[in-house]
Amino acid sequence: MFEIIVAGGWLMLPIVACSIVALAICANRLLVLRPQLITPSGLLAEVWELTRSGHMTAERMGAIRAGSPLGRIIVSGLNNSRHGREIMKESIQEEASHVVHDLERFLNPLGTIAAITPLLGLLGTVIGMIKVFMEIMIQGTGNASILAGGISEALITTAAGLSVAIPALVMHRYFQRRIDSLVLTMEQESIKLVEAIHGDREVDIH
């Protein structure tokens, strides 16, 4: 592996660095973007039961807020529920925008890596082919080993760039879809809370 990196030339360094960063981002997001951590099941039912029974205290609200992103949104809505339906919805939407921003952390760098690593590989290809043609100009086409070295450098950087870009792009799309799904779940739970507090009909919260 080390020989391949060396054979690819100096452009292999940023490509390898991008692969390490992409791997770290993917590991982080896989750990963070777990449904049980973002939208714990039964949280809304627990909050509604405490609110309805009058047992909701500031300490419990603080614990719920610190426990999950969904808890942050729910507590934000509860804090403003006495100001009416529209104010409650606005506070939920404002907090939700901050939550989504936190969930999307590091996705822009991952998308950037997916975009630039093929370009780095292409640059390596161009540099490798320039070397080949320069050697042809100097020595002619008789020295096959020199020509093969330049061509291999070009092919190695291209392959390395694509090897990093393809998984990075796949994971970027995967995380985007997962965030969309989590946001939809939080939106549905928030709507249930608003309807339960300010709605004209009973809402089934479970």
C-alpha atoms as a PDB file:
ATOM      1  CA  MET A   1       0.000   0.000   0.000  1.00  0.00           C
ATOM      2  CA  PHE A   2       2.796   2.413   0.901  1.00  0.00           C
ATOM      3  CA  GLU A   3       4.506   1.656  -2.402  1.00  0.00           C
ATOM      4  CA  ILE A   4       1.328   2.549  -4.273  1.00  0.00           C
ATOM      5  CA  ILE A   5       1.046   5.848  -2.413  1.00  0.00           C
ATOM      6  CA  VAL A   6       4.670   6.685  -3.193  1.00  0.00           C
ATOM      7  CA  ALA A   7       4.211   5.684  -6.838  1.00  0.00           C
ATOM      8  CA  GLY A   8       1.208   8.006  -7.121  1.00  0.00           C
ATOM      9  CA  GLY A   9       3.303  11.081  -6.429  1.00  0.00           C
ATOM     10  CA  TRP A  10       2.800  14.011  -4.092  1.00  0.00           C
ATOM     11  CA  LEU A  11      -0.892  14.403  -4.976  1.00  0.00           C
ATOM     12  CA  MET A  12      -1.542  11.179  -3.097  1.00  0.00           C
ATOM     13  CA  LEU A  13      -0.940  13.098   0.148  1.00  0.00           C
ATOM     14  CA  PRO A  14      -4.056  15.323  -0.061  1.00  0.00           C
ATOM     15  CA  ILE A  15      -6.081  12.362  -1.365  1.00  0.00           C
ATOM     16  CA  VAL A  16      -5.031  10.213   1.616  1.00  0.00           C
ATOM     17  CA  ALA A  17      -5.727  13.137   3.979  1.00  0.00           C
ATOM     18  CA  CYS A  18      -9.209  13.507   2.471  1.00  0.00           C
ATOM     19  CA  SER A  19      -9.853   9.793   2.964  1.00  0.00           C
ATOM     20  CA  ILE A  20      -8.916  10.008   6.657  1.00  0.00           C
ATOM     21  CA  VAL A  21     -11.145  13.049   7.214  1.00  0.00           C
ATOM     22  CA  ALA A  22     -14.040  11.410   5.340  1.00  0.00           C
ATOM     23  CA  LEU A  23     -13.686   8.247   7.419  1.00  0.00           C
ATOM     24  CA  ALA A  24     -13.704  10.244  10.651  1.00  0.00           C
ATOM     25  CA  ILE A  25     -16.799  12.201   9.582  1.00  0.00           C
ATOM     26  CA  CYS A  26     -18.661   9.027   8.597  1.00  0.00           C
ATOM     27  CA  ALA A  27     -17.822   7.341  11.898  1.00  0.00           C
ATOM     28  CA  ASN A  28     -18.966  10.409  13.837  1.00  0.00           C
ATOM     29  CA  ARG A  29     -22.258  10.775  11.956  1.00  0.00           C
ATOM     30  CA  LEU A  30     -23.030   7.049  12.205  1.00  0.00           C
ATOM     31  CA  LEU A  31     -22.687   7.322  15.975  1.00  0.00           C
ATOM     32  CA  VAL A  32     -24.607  10.601  16.305  1.00  0.00           C
ATOM     33  CA  LEU A  33     -27.442  10.146  13.799  1.00  0.00           C
ATOM     34  CA  ARG A  34     -29.044   7.175  15.499  1.00  0.00           C
ATOM     35  CA  PRO A  35     -32.841   7.368  15.782  1.00  0.00           C
ATOM     36  CA  GLN A  36     -32.800   6.244  19.409  1.00  0.00           C
ATOM     37  CA  LEU A  37     -30.582   9.210  20.265  1.00  0.00           C
ATOM     38  CA  ILE A  38     -32.355  11.827  18.143  1.00  0.00           C
ATOM     39  CA  THR A  39     -36.016  10.817  18.525  1.00  0.00           C
ATOM     40  CA  PRO A  40     -36.330   8.488  21.534  1.00  0.00           C
ATOM     41  CA  SER A  41     -39.484   6.409  21.396  1.00  0.00           C
ATOM     42  CA  GLY A  42     -42.021   7.247  24.072  1.00  0.00           C
ATOM     43  CA  LEU A  43     -40.547  10.657  24.840  1.00  0.00           C
ATOM     44  CA  LEU A  44     -43.587  12.631  23.739  1.00  0.00           C
ATOM     45  CA  ALA A  45     -45.944  10.356  25.694  1.00  0.00           C
ATOM     46  CA  GLU A  46     -43.787  10.795  28.797  1.00  0.00           C
ATOM     47  CA  VAL A  47     -43.726  14.587  28.406  1.00  0.00           C
ATOM     48  CA  TRP A  48     -47.472  14.774  27.828  1.00  0.00           C
ATOM     49  CA  GLU A  49     -48.205  12.624  30.861  1.00  0.00           C
ATOM     50  CA  LEU A  50     -46.007  14.796  33.075  1.00  0.00           C
ATOM     51  CA  THR A  51     -47.574  17.971  31.678  1.00  0.00           C
ATOM     52  CA  ARG A  52     -51.136  16.751  32.004  1.00  0.00           C
ATOM     53  CA  SER A  53     -50.610  15.492  35.550  1.00  0.00           C
ATOM     54  CA  GLY A  54     -48.890  18.704  36.620  1.00  0.00           C
ATOM     55  CA  HIS A  55     -45.667  16.925  37.539  1.00  0.00           C
ATOM     56  CA  MET A  56     -43.515  18.677  34.959  1.00  0.00           C
ATOM     57  CA  THR A  57     -40.842  20.621  36.800  1.00  0.00           C
ATOM     58  CA  ALA A  58     -38.016  22.842  35.614  1.00  0.00           C
ATOM     59  CA  GLU A  59     -35.511  20.114  36.513  1.00  0.00           C
ATOM     60  CA  ARG A  60     -37.335  17.522  34.456  1.00  0.00           C
ATOM     61  CA  MET A  61     -37.658  19.913  31.531  1.00  0.00           C
ATOM     62  CA  GLY A  62     -33.922  20.552  31.715  1.00  0.00           C
ATOM     63  CA  ALA A  63     -33.213  16.824  31.703  1.00  0.00           C
ATOM     64  CA  ILE A  64     -35.559  16.257  28.756  1.00  0.00           C
ATOM     65  CA  ARG A  65     -33.971  19.122  26.822  1.00  0.00           C
ATOM     66  CA  ALA A  66     -30.479  17.777  27.423  1.00  0.00           C
ATOM     67  CA  GLY A  67     -31.474  14.226  26.581  1.00  0.00           C
ATOM     68  CA  SER A  68     -32.110  14.483  22.835  1.00  0.00           C
ATOM     69  CA  PRO A  69     -32.701  16.904  19.947  1.00  0.00           C
ATOM     70  CA  LEU A  70     -36.400  16.003  20.022  1.00  0.00           C
ATOM     71  CA  GLY A  71     -36.399  16.924  23.702  1.00  0.00           C
ATOM     72  CA  ARG A  72     -34.974  20.345  22.818  1.00  0.00           C
ATOM     73  CA  ILE A  73     -37.832  20.977  20.410  1.00  0.00           C
ATOM     74  CA  ILE A  74     -40.520  19.715  22.764  1.00  0.00           C
ATOM     75  CA  VAL A  75     -39.266  21.773  25.712  1.00  0.00           C
ATOM     76  CA  SER A  76     -39.022  24.865  23.514  1.00  0.00           C
ATOM     77  CA  GLY A  77     -42.677  24.392  22.594  1.00  0.00           C
ATOM     78  CA  LEU A  78     -43.728  23.800  26.192  1.00  0.00           C
ATOM     79  CA  ASN A  79     -41.941  26.936  27.390  1.00  0.00           C
ATOM     80  CA  ASN A  80     -44.033  29.018  25.002  1.00  0.00           C
ATOM     81  CA  SER A  81     -47.283  27.057  25.100  1.00  0.00           C
ATOM     82  CA  ARG A  82     -48.968  29.607  27.378  1.00  0.00           C
ATOM     83  CA  HIS A  83     -48.531  32.317  24.707  1.00  0.00           C
ATOM     84  CA  GLY A  84     -50.876  30.624  22.279  1.00  0.00           C
ATOM     85  CA  ARG A  85     -50.775  28.183  19.411  1.00  0.00           C
ATOM     86  CA  GLU A  86     -48.923  30.353  16.874  1.00  0.00           C
ATOM     87  CA  ILE A  87     -46.183  31.443  19.274  1.00  0.00           C
ATOM     88  CA  MET A  88     -45.717  27.833  20.337  1.00  0.00           C
ATOM     89  CA  LYS A  89     -45.377  26.720  16.707  1.00  0.00           C
ATOM     90  CA  GLU A  90     -42.914  29.512  15.952  1.00  0.00           C
ATOM     91  CA  SER A  91     -40.732  28.589  18.920  1.00  0.00           C
ATOM     92  CA  ILE A  92     -40.763  24.947  17.820  1.00  0.00           C
ATOM     93  CA  GLN A  93     -39.786  25.897  14.269  1.00  0.00           C
ATOM     94  CA  GLU A  94     -36.984  28.156  15.481  1.00  0.00           C
ATOM     95  CA  GLU A  95     -35.538  25.472  17.741  1.00  0.00           C
ATOM     96  CA  ALA A  96     -35.961  22.872  14.988  1.00  0.00           C
ATOM     97  CA  SER A  97     -33.837  24.969  12.635  1.00  0.00           C
ATOM     98  CA  HIS A  98     -31.008  24.915  15.193  1.00  0.00           C
ATOM     99  CA  VAL A  99     -31.415  21.159  15.653  1.00  0.00           C
ATOM    100  CA  VAL A 100     -31.254  20.523  11.908  1.00  0.00           C
ATOM    101  CA  HIS A 101     -28.111  22.665  11.686  1.00  0.00           C
ATOM    102  CA  ASP A 102     -26.506  20.525  14.387  1.00  0.00           C
ATOM    103  CA  LEU A 103     -27.565  17.293  12.672  1.00  0.00           C
ATOM    104  CA  GLU A 104     -26.016  18.448   9.396  1.00  0.00           C
ATOM    105  CA  ARG A 105     -22.676  19.214  11.041  1.00  0.00           C
ATOM    106  CA  PHE A 106     -19.699  17.973   8.992  1.00  0.00           C
ATOM    107  CA  LEU A 107     -21.865  17.051   5.980  1.00  0.00           C
ATOM    108  CA  ASN A 108     -20.590  20.017   3.957  1.00  0.00           C
ATOM    109  CA  PRO A 109     -16.952  18.944   4.392  1.00  0.00           C
ATOM    110  CA  LEU A 110     -17.939  15.389   3.441  1.00  0.00           C
ATOM    111  CA  GLY A 111     -19.647  16.657   0.296  1.00  0.00           C
ATOM    112  CA  THR A 112     -16.616  18.803  -0.492  1.00  0.00           C
ATOM    113  CA  ILE A 113     -14.335  15.781  -0.190  1.00  0.00           C
ATOM    114  CA  ALA A 114     -16.609  13.824  -2.523  1.00  0.00           C
ATOM    115  CA  ALA A 115     -16.319  16.671  -5.047  1.00  0.00           C
ATOM    116  CA  ILE A 116     -12.610  17.501  -4.902  1.00  0.00           C
ATOM    117  CA  THR A 117     -10.960  14.079  -4.671  1.00  0.00           C
ATOM    118  CA  PRO A 118     -11.824  13.128  -8.286  1.00  0.00           C
ATOM    119  CA  LEU A 119     -10.398  16.498  -9.336  1.00  0.00           C
ATOM    120  CA  LEU A 120      -7.207  15.789  -7.409  1.00  0.00           C
ATOM    121  CA  GLY A 121      -7.032  12.430  -9.149  1.00  0.00           C
ATOM    122  CA  LEU A 122      -7.587  14.102 -12.503  1.00  0.00           C
ATOM    123  CA  LEU A 123      -4.848  16.597 -11.721  1.00  0.00           C
ATOM    124  CA  GLY A 124      -2.540  13.714 -10.940  1.00  0.00           C
ATOM    125  CA  THR A 125      -3.459  12.151 -14.265  1.00  0.00           C
ATOM    126  CA  VAL A 126      -2.638  15.344 -16.122  1.00  0.00           C
ATOM    127  CA  ILE A 127       0.679  15.744 -14.308  1.00  0.00           C
ATOM    128  CA  GLY A 128       1.567  12.126 -14.982  1.00  0.00           C
ATOM    129  CA  MET A 129       0.812  12.432 -18.684  1.00  0.00           C
ATOM    130  CA  ILE A 130       2.813  15.683 -18.891  1.00  0.00           C
ATOM    131  CA  LYS A 131       5.776  13.798 -17.439  1.00  0.00           C
ATOM    132  CA  VAL A 132       5.302  11.040 -20.004  1.00  0.00           C
ATOM    133  CA  PHE A 133       5.310  13.456 -22.918  1.00  0.00           C
ATOM    134  CA  MET A 134       8.285  15.360 -21.537  1.00  0.00           C
ATOM    135  CA  GLU A 135      10.233  12.106 -21.314  1.00  0.00           C
ATOM    136  CA  ILE A 136       9.219  11.248 -24.874  1.00  0.00           C
ATOM    137  CA  MET A 137      10.524  14.620 -26.018  1.00  0.00           C
ATOM    138  CA  ILE A 138      13.815  14.077 -24.200  1.00  0.00           C
ATOM    139  CA  GLN A 139      14.484  10.349 -24.679  1.00  0.00           C
ATOM    140  CA  GLY A 140      12.065   9.300 -27.377  1.00  0.00           C
ATOM    141  CA  THR A 141       9.803   6.265 -27.054  1.00  0.00           C
ATOM    142  CA  GLY A 142      12.572   3.736 -26.498  1.00  0.00           C
ATOM    143  CA  ASN A 143      12.666   3.801 -22.671  1.00  0.00           C
ATOM    144  CA  ALA A 144       9.530   1.895 -21.724  1.00  0.00           C
ATOM    145  CA  SER A 145      10.176   1.964 -17.956  1.00  0.00           C
ATOM    146  CA  ILE A 146      10.167   5.768 -17.833  1.00  0.00           C
ATOM    147  CA  LEU A 147       6.937   5.924 -19.817  1.00  0.00           C
ATOM    148  CA  ALA A 148       5.332   3.253 -17.642  1.00  0.00           C
ATOM    149  CA  GLY A 149       6.253   5.186 -14.487  1.00  0.00           C
ATOM    150  CA  GLY A 150       4.498   8.329 -15.673  1.00  0.00           C
ATOM    151  CA  ILE A 151       1.435   6.422 -16.845  1.00  0.00           C
ATOM    152  CA  SER A 152       1.199   4.442 -13.597  1.00  0.00           C
ATOM    153  CA  GLU A 153       1.377   7.679 -11.587  1.00  0.00           C
ATOM    154  CA  ALA A 154      -1.484   9.055 -13.644  1.00  0.00           C
ATOM    155  CA  LEU A 155      -3.616   5.929 -13.191  1.00  0.00           C
ATOM    156  CA  ILE A 156      -2.889   5.554  -9.467  1.00  0.00           C
ATOM    157  CA  THR A 157      -3.993   9.088  -8.578  1.00  0.00           C
ATOM    158  CA  THR A 158      -7.158   8.741 -10.642  1.00  0.00           C
ATOM    159  CA  ALA A 159      -8.038   5.430  -8.997  1.00  0.00           C
ATOM    160  CA  ALA A 160      -7.251   6.790  -5.536  1.00  0.00           C
ATOM    161  CA  GLY A 161      -9.360   9.905  -6.057  1.00  0.00           C
ATOM    162  CA  LEU A 162     -12.351   7.880  -7.221  1.00  0.00           C
ATOM    163  CA  SER A 163     -11.877   5.351  -4.410  1.00  0.00           C
ATOM    164  CA  VAL A 164     -12.303   8.156  -1.884  1.00  0.00           C
ATOM    165  CA  ALA A 165     -14.971  10.159  -3.741  1.00  0.00           C
ATOM    166  CA  ILE A 166     -17.448   7.342  -4.439  1.00  0.00           C
ATOM    167  CA  PRO A 167     -17.885   6.149  -0.810  1.00  0.00           C
ATOM    168  CA  ALA A 168     -17.891   9.764   0.416  1.00  0.00           C
ATOM    169  CA  LEU A 169     -20.680  10.673  -2.004  1.00  0.00           C
ATOM    170  CA  VAL A 170     -22.691   7.570  -1.086  1.00  0.00           C
ATOM    171  CA  MET A 171     -22.393   8.305   2.639  1.00  0.00           C
ATOM    172  CA  HIS A 172     -23.217  11.991   2.122  1.00  0.00           C
ATOM    173  CA  ARG A 173     -26.465  11.047   0.377  1.00  0.00           C
ATOM    174  CA  TYR A 174     -27.197   8.426   3.024  1.00  0.00           C
ATOM    175  CA  PHE A 175     -26.769  10.895   5.883  1.00  0.00           C
ATOM    176  CA  GLN A 176     -28.920  13.478   4.096  1.00  0.00           C
ATOM    177  CA  ARG A 177     -31.753  10.950   3.744  1.00  0.00           C
ATOM    178  CA  ARG A 178     -31.397   9.886   7.366  1.00  0.00           C
ATOM    179  CA  ILE A 179     -31.569  13.498   8.546  1.00  0.00           C
ATOM    180  CA  ASP A 180     -34.659  14.084   6.400  1.00  0.00           C
ATOM    181  CA  SER A 181     -36.317  11.064   8.004  1.00  0.00           C
ATOM    182  CA  LEU A 182     -35.406  12.204  11.516  1.00  0.00           C
ATOM    183  CA  VAL A 183     -36.642  15.732  10.844  1.00  0.00           C
ATOM    184  CA  LEU A 184     -39.952  14.356   9.569  1.00  0.00           C
ATOM    185  CA  THR A 185     -40.356  12.310  12.745  1.00  0.00           C
ATOM    186  CA  MET A 186     -39.594  15.326  14.949  1.00  0.00           C
ATOM    187  CA  GLU A 187     -42.054  17.433  12.964  1.00  0.00           C
ATOM    188  CA  GLN A 188     -44.807  14.863  13.433  1.00  0.00           C
ATOM    189  CA  GLU A 189     -44.135  14.625  17.166  1.00  0.00           C
ATOM    190  CA  SER A 190     -44.144  18.420  17.502  1.00  0.00           C
ATOM    191  CA  ILE A 191     -47.467  18.696  15.690  1.00  0.00           C
ATOM    192  CA  LYS A 192     -48.947  16.147  18.077  1.00  0.00           C
ATOM    193  CA  LEU A 193     -47.781  18.224  21.043  1.00  0.00           C
ATOM    194  CA  VAL A 194     -49.266  21.438  19.656  1.00  0.00           C
ATOM    195  CA  GLU A 195     -52.562  19.728  18.885  1.00  0.00           C
ATOM    196  CA  ALA A 196     -52.666  18.103  22.307  1.00  0.00           C
ATOM    197  CA  ILE A 197     -52.222  21.445  24.073  1.00  0.00           C
ATOM    198  CA  HIS A 198     -54.130  23.817  21.801  1.00  0.00           C
ATOM    199  CA  GLY A 199     -56.189  21.535  19.577  1.00  0.00           C
ATOM    200  CA  ASP A 200     -59.957  21.196  19.630  1.00  0.00           C
ATOM    201  CA  ARG A 201     -59.868  17.416  19.566  1.00  0.00           C
ATOM    202  CA  GLU A 202     -58.087  14.749  21.573  1.00  0.00           C
ATOM    203  CA  VAL A 203     -54.813  13.567  20.091  1.00  0.00           C
ATOM    204  CA  ASP A 204     -53.569  10.025  20.439  1.00  0.00           C
ATOM    205  CA  ILE A 205     -50.079  10.313  21.942  1.00  0.00           C
ATOM    206  CA  HIS A 206     -48.190   7.098  22.443  1.00  0.00           C
END
